[in-house]
Every structure is written in C-alpha cells, then in structure tokens.
Amino acid sequence: FAVTGARTLRTASILGVVLHMIAGILGLVIVALLAIVGAEELLTAENLMLFELLWMVPGLLITEWTRNP
C-alpha cells in the first residue's frame, strides 16, 4: 500500500504542478495581450487575483487537497 500511495501522490503532485505552471503561463500571455491591445483598465489586482484563484481550483482537485479534512 505504501508504494501504491507514493506513486499516486507523486503523480498527483506532478499533475498539480504542471497545471499550475500552465495557468501561470496562460496568465502571463493574457496580461501581455491586454497590455499590447491597450486594455490596461482590465488589469486590476482584483481581476488578476480572481483569475489565479479560479485556476487554483483544478489544481487542488487534482492533488486531492479538498478530500482531506
């Protein structure tokens, strides 16, 4: 059971990190595009925080942090 649990934990951790990296890169691309087209009024701290929080949910579900009490 320990080996199976360790493999599952490793896979979940890798998938979580990959998903969070993709979300970060996508966020950088969106910010760059908004800056290029001149929509700086959309680049507020609240909008960026909301974007990052929304992308955190799939990562937390993959790593099963929501299942642990």
PDB file of N, CA and C in Angstrom:
ATOM      1  N   PHE A   1       0.812  -1.196   0.000  1.00  0.00           N
ATOM      2  CA  PHE A   1       0.000   0.000   0.000  1.00  0.00           C
ATOM      3  C   PHE A   1       0.857   1.263   0.000  1.00  0.00           C
ATOM      4  N   ALA A   2       2.003   1.193   0.649  1.00  0.00           N
ATOM      5  CA  ALA A   2       2.863   2.375   0.728  1.00  0.00           C
ATOM      6  C   ALA A   2       3.397   2.760  -0.653  1.00  0.00           C
ATOM      7  N   VAL A   3       3.784   1.762  -1.440  1.00  0.00           N
ATOM      8  CA  VAL A   3       4.320   2.043  -2.775  1.00  0.00           C
ATOM      9  C   VAL A   3       3.225   2.599  -3.684  1.00  0.00           C
ATOM     10  N   THR A   4       2.056   2.017  -3.629  1.00  0.00           N
ATOM     11  CA  THR A   4       0.942   2.495  -4.442  1.00  0.00           C
ATOM     12  C   THR A   4       0.552   3.911  -4.044  1.00  0.00           C
ATOM     13  N   GLY A   5       0.512   4.172  -2.738  1.00  0.00           N
ATOM     14  CA  GLY A   5       0.194   5.512  -2.259  1.00  0.00           C
ATOM     15  C   GLY A   5       1.251   6.526  -2.670  1.00  0.00           C
ATOM     16  N   ALA A   6       2.509   6.126  -2.614  1.00  0.00           N
ATOM     17  CA  ALA A   6       3.591   7.024  -3.008  1.00  0.00           C
ATOM     18  C   ALA A   6       3.524   7.337  -4.500  1.00  0.00           C
ATOM     19  N   ARG A   7       3.221   6.350  -5.318  1.00  0.00           N
ATOM     20  CA  ARG A   7       3.094   6.594  -6.760  1.00  0.00           C
ATOM     21  C   ARG A   7       1.920   7.521  -7.065  1.00  0.00           C
ATOM     22  N   THR A   8       0.815   7.300  -6.384  1.00  0.00           N
ATOM     23  CA  THR A   8      -0.352   8.159  -6.576  1.00  0.00           C
ATOM     24  C   THR A   8      -0.046   9.590  -6.150  1.00  0.00           C
ATOM     25  N   LEU A   9       0.626   9.740  -5.027  1.00  0.00           N
ATOM     26  CA  LEU A   9       0.994  11.069  -4.544  1.00  0.00           C
ATOM     27  C   LEU A   9       1.946  11.760  -5.510  1.00  0.00           C
ATOM     28  N   ARG A  10       2.899  11.021  -6.034  1.00  0.00           N
ATOM     29  CA  ARG A  10       3.853  11.587  -6.986  1.00  0.00           C
ATOM     30  C   ARG A  10       3.148  12.038  -8.257  1.00  0.00           C
ATOM     31  N   THR A  11       2.257  11.214  -8.775  1.00  0.00           N
ATOM     32  CA  THR A  11       1.517  11.563  -9.985  1.00  0.00           C
ATOM     33  C   THR A  11       0.629  12.783  -9.753  1.00  0.00           C
ATOM     34  N   ALA A  12      -0.068  12.809  -8.626  1.00  0.00           N
ATOM     35  CA  ALA A  12      -0.937  13.941  -8.324  1.00  0.00           C
ATOM     36  C   ALA A  12      -0.128  15.219  -8.157  1.00  0.00           C
ATOM     37  N   SER A  13       1.021  15.120  -7.527  1.00  0.00           N
ATOM     38  CA  SER A  13       1.867  16.301  -7.338  1.00  0.00           C
ATOM     39  C   SER A  13       2.382  16.828  -8.669  1.00  0.00           C
ATOM     40  N   ILE A  14       2.824  15.930  -9.520  1.00  0.00           N
ATOM     41  CA  ILE A  14       3.333  16.345 -10.833  1.00  0.00           C
ATOM     42  C   ILE A  14       2.213  16.983 -11.654  1.00  0.00           C
ATOM     43  N   LEU A  15       1.033  16.378 -11.671  1.00  0.00           N
ATOM     44  CA  LEU A  15      -0.084  16.950 -12.425  1.00  0.00           C
ATOM     45  C   LEU A  15      -0.498  18.308 -11.871  1.00  0.00           C
ATOM     46  N   GLY A  16      -0.489  18.441 -10.549  1.00  0.00           N
ATOM     47  CA  GLY A  16      -0.829  19.722  -9.937  1.00  0.00           C
ATOM     48  C   GLY A  16       0.164  20.817 -10.311  1.00  0.00           C
ATOM     49  N   VAL A  17       1.449  20.484 -10.269  1.00  0.00           N
ATOM     50  CA  VAL A  17       2.471  21.472 -10.629  1.00  0.00           C
ATOM     51  C   VAL A  17       2.364  21.842 -12.105  1.00  0.00           C
ATOM     52  N   VAL A  18       2.157  20.867 -12.956  1.00  0.00           N
ATOM     53  CA  VAL A  18       2.037  21.141 -14.390  1.00  0.00           C
ATOM     54  C   VAL A  18       0.826  22.038 -14.655  1.00  0.00           C
ATOM     55  N   LEU A  19      -0.290  21.737 -14.030  1.00  0.00           N
ATOM     56  CA  LEU A  19      -1.490  22.540 -14.243  1.00  0.00           C
ATOM     57  C   LEU A  19      -1.288  23.968 -13.747  1.00  0.00           C
ATOM     58  N   HIS A  20      -0.651  24.138 -12.598  1.00  0.00           N
ATOM     59  CA  HIS A  20      -0.401  25.478 -12.078  1.00  0.00           C
ATOM     60  C   HIS A  20       0.596  26.235 -12.949  1.00  0.00           C
ATOM     61  N   MET A  21       1.564  25.553 -13.509  1.00  0.00           N
ATOM     62  CA  MET A  21       2.507  26.213 -14.420  1.00  0.00           C
ATOM     63  C   MET A  21       1.804  26.660 -15.697  1.00  0.00           C
ATOM     64  N   ILE A  22       0.933  25.815 -16.223  1.00  0.00           N
ATOM     65  CA  ILE A  22       0.167  26.187 -17.413  1.00  0.00           C
ATOM     66  C   ILE A  22      -0.714  27.398 -17.114  1.00  0.00           C
ATOM     67  N   ALA A  23      -1.340  27.414 -15.942  1.00  0.00           N
ATOM     68  CA  ALA A  23      -2.184  28.547 -15.571  1.00  0.00           C
ATOM     69  C   ALA A  23      -1.357  29.820 -15.441  1.00  0.00           C
ATOM     70  N   GLY A  24      -0.167  29.723 -14.872  1.00  0.00           N
ATOM     71  CA  GLY A  24       0.694  30.893 -14.749  1.00  0.00           C
ATOM     72  C   GLY A  24       1.147  31.423 -16.088  1.00  0.00           C
ATOM     73  N   ILE A  25       1.529  30.524 -16.980  1.00  0.00           N
ATOM     74  CA  ILE A  25       1.955  30.939 -18.322  1.00  0.00           C
ATOM     75  C   ILE A  25       0.778  31.541 -19.087  1.00  0.00           C
ATOM     76  N   LEU A  26      -0.386  30.925 -18.976  1.00  0.00           N
ATOM     77  CA  LEU A  26      -1.574  31.466 -19.633  1.00  0.00           C
ATOM     78  C   LEU A  26      -1.908  32.844 -19.076  1.00  0.00           C
ATOM     79  N   GLY A  27      -1.762  33.029 -17.785  1.00  0.00           N
ATOM     80  CA  GLY A  27      -1.998  34.338 -17.182  1.00  0.00           C
ATOM     81  C   GLY A  27      -1.034  35.384 -17.706  1.00  0.00           C
ATOM     82  N   LEU A  28       0.238  35.026 -17.847  1.00  0.00           N
ATOM     83  CA  LEU A  28       1.213  35.959 -18.404  1.00  0.00           C
ATOM     84  C   LEU A  28       0.869  36.337 -19.841  1.00  0.00           C
ATOM     85  N   VAL A  29       0.436  35.352 -20.623  1.00  0.00           N
ATOM     86  CA  VAL A  29       0.067  35.620 -22.016  1.00  0.00           C
ATOM     87  C   VAL A  29      -1.146  36.550 -22.073  1.00  0.00           C
ATOM     88  N   ILE A  30      -2.129  36.309 -21.234  1.00  0.00           N
ATOM     89  CA  ILE A  30      -3.324  37.159 -21.233  1.00  0.00           C
ATOM     90  C   ILE A  30      -2.971  38.589 -20.822  1.00  0.00           C
ATOM     91  N   VAL A  31      -2.135  38.731 -19.791  1.00  0.00           N
ATOM     92  CA  VAL A  31      -1.717  40.066 -19.363  1.00  0.00           C
ATOM     93  C   VAL A  31      -0.939  40.764 -20.471  1.00  0.00           C
ATOM     94  N   ALA A  32      -0.062  40.058 -21.140  1.00  0.00           N
ATOM     95  CA  ALA A  32       0.704  40.656 -22.229  1.00  0.00           C
ATOM     96  C   ALA A  32      -0.214  41.087 -23.370  1.00  0.00           C
ATOM     97  N   LEU A  33      -1.167  40.244 -23.726  1.00  0.00           N
ATOM     98  CA  LEU A  33      -2.101  40.599 -24.802  1.00  0.00           C
ATOM     99  C   LEU A  33      -2.956  41.802 -24.435  1.00  0.00           C
ATOM    100  N   LEU A  34      -3.425  41.858 -23.188  1.00  0.00           N
ATOM    101  CA  LEU A  34      -4.215  43.006 -22.767  1.00  0.00           C
ATOM    102  C   LEU A  34      -3.378  44.283 -22.764  1.00  0.00           C
ATOM    103  N   ALA A  35      -2.113  44.164 -22.394  1.00  0.00           N
ATOM    104  CA  ALA A  35      -1.235  45.335 -22.418  1.00  0.00           C
ATOM    105  C   ALA A  35      -0.944  45.778 -23.840  1.00  0.00           C
ATOM    106  N   ILE A  36      -0.795  44.831 -24.752  1.00  0.00           N
ATOM    107  CA  ILE A  36      -0.494  45.168 -26.150  1.00  0.00           C
ATOM    108  C   ILE A  36      -1.673  45.869 -26.815  1.00  0.00           C
ATOM    109  N   VAL A  37      -2.891  45.373 -26.556  1.00  0.00           N
ATOM    110  CA  VAL A  37      -4.062  45.966 -27.209  1.00  0.00           C
ATOM    111  C   VAL A  37      -4.547  47.228 -26.496  1.00  0.00           C
ATOM    112  N   GLY A  38      -3.938  47.576 -25.379  1.00  0.00           N
ATOM    113  CA  GLY A  38      -4.280  48.814 -24.695  1.00  0.00           C
ATOM    114  C   GLY A  38      -5.456  48.716 -23.755  1.00  0.00           C
ATOM    115  N   ALA A  39      -5.717  47.563 -23.208  1.00  0.00           N
ATOM    116  CA  ALA A  39      -6.833  47.389 -22.273  1.00  0.00           C
ATOM    117  C   ALA A  39      -6.307  47.311 -20.844  1.00  0.00           C
ATOM    118  N   GLU A  40      -5.513  48.318 -20.462  1.00  0.00           N
ATOM    119  CA  GLU A  40      -4.918  48.304 -19.130  1.00  0.00           C
ATOM    120  C   GLU A  40      -5.955  48.430 -18.013  1.00  0.00           C
ATOM    121  N   GLU A  41      -7.130  48.966 -18.328  1.00  0.00           N
ATOM    122  CA  GLU A  41      -8.159  49.108 -17.288  1.00  0.00           C
ATOM    123  C   GLU A  41      -8.666  47.751 -16.801  1.00  0.00           C
ATOM    124  N   LEU A  42      -8.451  46.705 -17.589  1.00  0.00           N
ATOM    125  CA  LEU A  42      -8.849  45.353 -17.169  1.00  0.00           C
ATOM    126  C   LEU A  42      -7.790  44.683 -16.301  1.00  0.00           C
ATOM    127  N   LEU A  43      -6.605  45.250 -16.243  1.00  0.00           N
ATOM    128  CA  LEU A  43      -5.515  44.644 -15.487  1.00  0.00           C
ATOM    129  C   LEU A  43      -5.501  45.140 -14.047  1.00  0.00           C
ATOM    130  N   THR A  44      -6.604  44.943 -13.372  1.00  0.00           N
ATOM    131  CA  THR A  44      -6.674  45.340 -11.968  1.00  0.00           C
ATOM    132  C   THR A  44      -6.216  44.178 -11.097  1.00  0.00           C
ATOM    133  N   ALA A  45      -5.871  44.497  -9.875  1.00  0.00           N
ATOM    134  CA  ALA A  45      -5.439  43.458  -8.942  1.00  0.00           C
ATOM    135  C   ALA A  45      -6.561  42.452  -8.671  1.00  0.00           C
ATOM    136  N   GLU A  46      -7.793  42.946  -8.628  1.00  0.00           N
ATOM    137  CA  GLU A  46      -8.927  42.049  -8.363  1.00  0.00           C
ATOM    138  C   GLU A  46      -9.115  41.046  -9.500  1.00  0.00           C
ATOM    139  N   ASN A  47      -9.010  41.515 -10.738  1.00  0.00           N
ATOM    140  CA  ASN A  47      -9.176  40.607 -11.880  1.00  0.00           C
ATOM    141  C   ASN A  47      -8.066  39.563 -11.943  1.00  0.00           C
ATOM    142  N   LEU A  48      -6.834  39.994 -11.679  1.00  0.00           N
ATOM    143  CA  LEU A  48      -5.727  39.043 -11.700  1.00  0.00           C
ATOM    144  C   LEU A  48      -5.835  38.026 -10.564  1.00  0.00           C
ATOM    145  N   MET A  49      -6.256  38.475  -9.384  1.00  0.00           N
ATOM    146  CA  MET A  49      -6.431  37.564  -8.253  1.00  0.00           C
ATOM    147  C   MET A  49      -7.552  36.570  -8.530  1.00  0.00           C
ATOM    148  N   LEU A  50      -8.641  37.037  -9.117  1.00  0.00           N
ATOM    149  CA  LEU A  50      -9.747  36.146  -9.463  1.00  0.00           C
ATOM    150  C   LEU A  50      -9.312  35.094 -10.470  1.00  0.00           C
ATOM    151  N   PHE A  51      -8.535  35.502 -11.476  1.00  0.00           N
ATOM    152  CA  PHE A  51      -8.028  34.562 -12.470  1.00  0.00           C
ATOM    153  C   PHE A  51      -7.188  33.479 -11.803  1.00  0.00           C
ATOM    154  N   GLU A  52      -6.264  33.879 -10.938  1.00  0.00           N
ATOM    155  CA  GLU A  52      -5.394  32.899 -10.285  1.00  0.00           C
ATOM    156  C   GLU A  52      -6.170  31.996  -9.328  1.00  0.00           C
ATOM    157  N   LEU A  53      -7.141  32.540  -8.625  1.00  0.00           N
ATOM    158  CA  LEU A  53      -7.944  31.710  -7.725  1.00  0.00           C
ATOM    159  C   LEU A  53      -8.794  30.703  -8.491  1.00  0.00           C
ATOM    160  N   LEU A  54      -9.336  31.126  -9.623  1.00  0.00           N
ATOM    161  CA  LEU A  54     -10.128  30.189 -10.430  1.00  0.00           C
ATOM    162  C   LEU A  54      -9.264  29.064 -10.991  1.00  0.00           C
ATOM    163  N   TRP A  55      -8.020  29.377 -11.367  1.00  0.00           N
ATOM    164  CA  TRP A  55      -7.140  28.338 -11.884  1.00  0.00           C
ATOM    165  C   TRP A  55      -6.548  27.484 -10.769  1.00  0.00           C
ATOM    166  N   MET A  56      -6.676  27.908  -9.521  1.00  0.00           N
ATOM    167  CA  MET A  56      -6.175  27.100  -8.418  1.00  0.00           C
ATOM    168  C   MET A  56      -7.112  25.927  -8.113  1.00  0.00           C
ATOM    169  N   VAL A  57      -8.386  26.079  -8.401  1.00  0.00           N
ATOM    170  CA  VAL A  57      -9.376  25.039  -8.088  1.00  0.00           C
ATOM    171  C   VAL A  57      -9.067  23.709  -8.779  1.00  0.00           C
ATOM    172  N   PRO A  58      -8.802  23.658 -10.101  1.00  0.00           N
ATOM    173  CA  PRO A  58      -8.486  22.359 -10.710  1.00  0.00           C
ATOM    174  C   PRO A  58      -7.216  21.732 -10.136  1.00  0.00           C
ATOM    175  N   GLY A  59      -6.233  22.554  -9.816  1.00  0.00           N
ATOM    176  CA  GLY A  59      -5.007  22.011  -9.219  1.00  0.00           C
ATOM    177  C   GLY A  59      -5.260  21.399  -7.857  1.00  0.00           C
ATOM    178  N   LEU A  60      -6.089  22.039  -7.065  1.00  0.00           N
ATOM    179  CA  LEU A  60      -6.423  21.482  -5.755  1.00  0.00           C
ATOM    180  C   LEU A  60      -7.248  20.205  -5.883  1.00  0.00           C
ATOM    181  N   LEU A  61      -8.108  20.152  -6.888  1.00  0.00           N
ATOM    182  CA  LEU A  61      -8.893  18.933  -7.090  1.00  0.00           C
ATOM    183  C   LEU A  61      -8.012  17.782  -7.568  1.00  0.00           C
ATOM    184  N   ILE A  62      -7.049  18.073  -8.417  1.00  0.00           N
ATOM    185  CA  ILE A  62      -6.145  17.019  -8.905  1.00  0.00           C
ATOM    186  C   ILE A  62      -5.307  16.465  -7.759  1.00  0.00           C
ATOM    187  N   THR A  63      -4.793  17.349  -6.930  1.00  0.00           N
ATOM    188  CA  THR A  63      -3.945  16.889  -5.830  1.00  0.00           C
ATOM    189  C   THR A  63      -4.745  16.371  -4.638  1.00  0.00           C
ATOM    190  N   GLU A  64      -6.067  16.431  -4.727  1.00  0.00           N
ATOM    191  CA  GLU A  64      -6.985  15.886  -3.729  1.00  0.00           C
ATOM    192  C   GLU A  64      -6.848  16.560  -2.367  1.00  0.00           C
ATOM    193  N   TRP A  65      -6.443  17.839  -2.346  1.00  0.00           N
ATOM    194  CA  TRP A  65      -6.400  18.561  -1.076  1.00  0.00           C
ATOM    195  C   TRP A  65      -7.792  18.799  -0.531  1.00  0.00           C
ATOM    196  N   THR A  66      -8.772  18.840  -1.397  1.00  0.00           N
ATOM    197  CA  THR A  66     -10.142  19.093  -0.940  1.00  0.00           C
ATOM    198  C   THR A  66     -10.744  17.879  -0.265  1.00  0.00           C
ATOM    199  N   ARG A  67     -10.167  16.720  -0.477  1.00  0.00           N
ATOM    200  CA  ARG A  67     -10.707  15.494   0.123  1.00  0.00           C
ATOM    201  C   ARG A  67     -10.261  15.329   1.564  1.00  0.00           C
ATOM    202  N   ASN A  68      -9.094  15.850   1.897  1.00  0.00           N
ATOM    203  CA  ASN A  68      -8.583  15.691   3.263  1.00  0.00           C
ATOM    204  C   ASN A  68      -9.244  16.688   4.195  1.00  0.00           C
ATOM    205  N   PRO A  69      -9.632  16.215   5.388  1.00  0.00           N
ATOM    206  CA  PRO A  69     -10.318  17.112   6.344  1.00  0.00           C
ATOM    207  C   PRO A  69      -9.372  18.110   6.969  1.00  0.00           C
TER     208      PRO A  69
END
